[in-house]
Amino acid sequence: MEVLGDPTAECDGEVIVMALEFLESLGITDVRIDLGNVSYMHALFGSLGLRDEELALVNRAR
């Protein structure tokens, strides 16, 4: 999926969420997404408002 004309990481995050919601609507719940650019990951995690301790846990799980 791609949104033309919007180069922001926030838009990329919205597209990822839509894709996950679509897969979930089909009954597919065991999904793994690998992002090819670390800036997407930083934007997604940054929008979650995680505390430093929580972010450290997420980073260790990767």
C-alpha atoms as a PDB file:
ATOM      1  CA  MET A   1       0.000   0.000   0.000  1.00  0.00           C
ATOM      2  CA  GLU A   2       1.123   3.526  -0.613  1.00  0.00           C
ATOM      3  CA  VAL A   3      -0.374   6.968  -0.195  1.00  0.00           C
ATOM      4  CA  LEU A   4       0.741   9.182  -3.029  1.00  0.00           C
ATOM      5  CA  GLY A   5       1.826  12.706  -2.235  1.00  0.00           C
ATOM      6  CA  ASP A   6       2.372  12.308   1.511  1.00  0.00           C
ATOM      7  CA  PRO A   7       5.992  11.484   2.355  1.00  0.00           C
ATOM      8  CA  THR A   8       5.585  11.639   6.150  1.00  0.00           C
ATOM      9  CA  ALA A   9       6.342   8.783   8.515  1.00  0.00           C
ATOM     10  CA  GLU A  10       2.962   9.382  10.157  1.00  0.00           C
ATOM     11  CA  CYS A  11       1.240   8.568   6.882  1.00  0.00           C
ATOM     12  CA  ASP A  12       3.350   5.434   6.556  1.00  0.00           C
ATOM     13  CA  GLY A  13       2.250   4.429  10.042  1.00  0.00           C
ATOM     14  CA  GLU A  14      -1.404   4.907   9.092  1.00  0.00           C
ATOM     15  CA  VAL A  15      -0.947   2.676   6.048  1.00  0.00           C
ATOM     16  CA  ILE A  16       0.657  -0.018   8.204  1.00  0.00           C
ATOM     17  CA  VAL A  17      -2.233   0.140  10.678  1.00  0.00           C
ATOM     18  CA  MET A  18      -4.759  -0.111   7.829  1.00  0.00           C
ATOM     19  CA  ALA A  19      -2.949  -3.149   6.445  1.00  0.00           C
ATOM     20  CA  LEU A  20      -2.977  -4.822   9.864  1.00  0.00           C
ATOM     21  CA  GLU A  21      -6.674  -4.057  10.342  1.00  0.00           C
ATOM     22  CA  PHE A  22      -7.416  -5.508   6.917  1.00  0.00           C
ATOM     23  CA  LEU A  23      -5.511  -8.702   7.665  1.00  0.00           C
ATOM     24  CA  GLU A  24      -7.258  -8.964  11.030  1.00  0.00           C
ATOM     25  CA  SER A  25     -10.655  -8.614   9.299  1.00  0.00           C
ATOM     26  CA  LEU A  26      -9.707 -11.694   7.271  1.00  0.00           C
ATOM     27  CA  GLY A  27      -8.907 -13.592  10.452  1.00  0.00           C
ATOM     28  CA  ILE A  28      -5.147 -13.304  10.046  1.00  0.00           C
ATOM     29  CA  THR A  29      -3.782 -12.334  13.450  1.00  0.00           C
ATOM     30  CA  ASP A  30      -0.287 -13.806  13.537  1.00  0.00           C
ATOM     31  CA  VAL A  31       1.485 -11.083  11.559  1.00  0.00           C
ATOM     32  CA  ARG A  32       5.044  -9.826  11.590  1.00  0.00           C
ATOM     33  CA  ILE A  33       6.016  -6.624   9.845  1.00  0.00           C
ATOM     34  CA  ASP A  34       9.637  -5.908   8.997  1.00  0.00           C
ATOM     35  CA  LEU A  35      10.283  -2.287   8.115  1.00  0.00           C
ATOM     36  CA  GLY A  36      13.073  -1.484   5.733  1.00  0.00           C
ATOM     37  CA  ASN A  37      13.888   1.922   7.163  1.00  0.00           C
ATOM     38  CA  VAL A  38      14.636   2.591  10.819  1.00  0.00           C
ATOM     39  CA  SER A  39      13.059   6.063  10.615  1.00  0.00           C
ATOM     40  CA  TYR A  40       9.629   4.405  10.270  1.00  0.00           C
ATOM     41  CA  MET A  41      10.226   2.460  13.446  1.00  0.00           C
ATOM     42  CA  HIS A  42      11.307   5.575  15.320  1.00  0.00           C
ATOM     43  CA  ALA A  43       8.248   7.492  14.110  1.00  0.00           C
ATOM     44  CA  LEU A  44       5.878   4.693  15.088  1.00  0.00           C
ATOM     45  CA  PHE A  45       7.390   4.189  18.525  1.00  0.00           C
ATOM     46  CA  GLY A  46       7.650   7.934  19.061  1.00  0.00           C
ATOM     47  CA  SER A  47       3.930   8.364  18.433  1.00  0.00           C
ATOM     48  CA  LEU A  48       3.139   5.815  21.151  1.00  0.00           C
ATOM     49  CA  GLY A  49       4.481   8.061  23.907  1.00  0.00           C
ATOM     50  CA  LEU A  50       6.408   5.250  25.579  1.00  0.00           C
ATOM     51  CA  ARG A  51       8.481   5.904  28.687  1.00  0.00           C
ATOM     52  CA  ASP A  52      12.208   5.225  28.421  1.00  0.00           C
ATOM     53  CA  GLU A  53      11.832   1.941  30.327  1.00  0.00           C
ATOM     54  CA  GLU A  54       9.080   0.755  27.977  1.00  0.00           C
ATOM     55  CA  LEU A  55      11.049   1.736  24.889  1.00  0.00           C
ATOM     56  CA  ALA A  56      14.055  -0.179  26.218  1.00  0.00           C
ATOM     57  CA  LEU A  57      11.850  -3.280  26.551  1.00  0.00           C
ATOM     58  CA  VAL A  58      10.622  -2.896  22.973  1.00  0.00           C
ATOM     59  CA  ASN A  59      14.167  -2.503  21.686  1.00  0.00           C
ATOM     60  CA  ARG A  60      15.327  -5.632  23.529  1.00  0.00           C
ATOM     61  CA  ALA A  61      12.452  -7.658  22.029  1.00  0.00           C
ATOM     62  CA  ARG A  62      13.494  -6.852  18.465  1.00  0.00           C
END
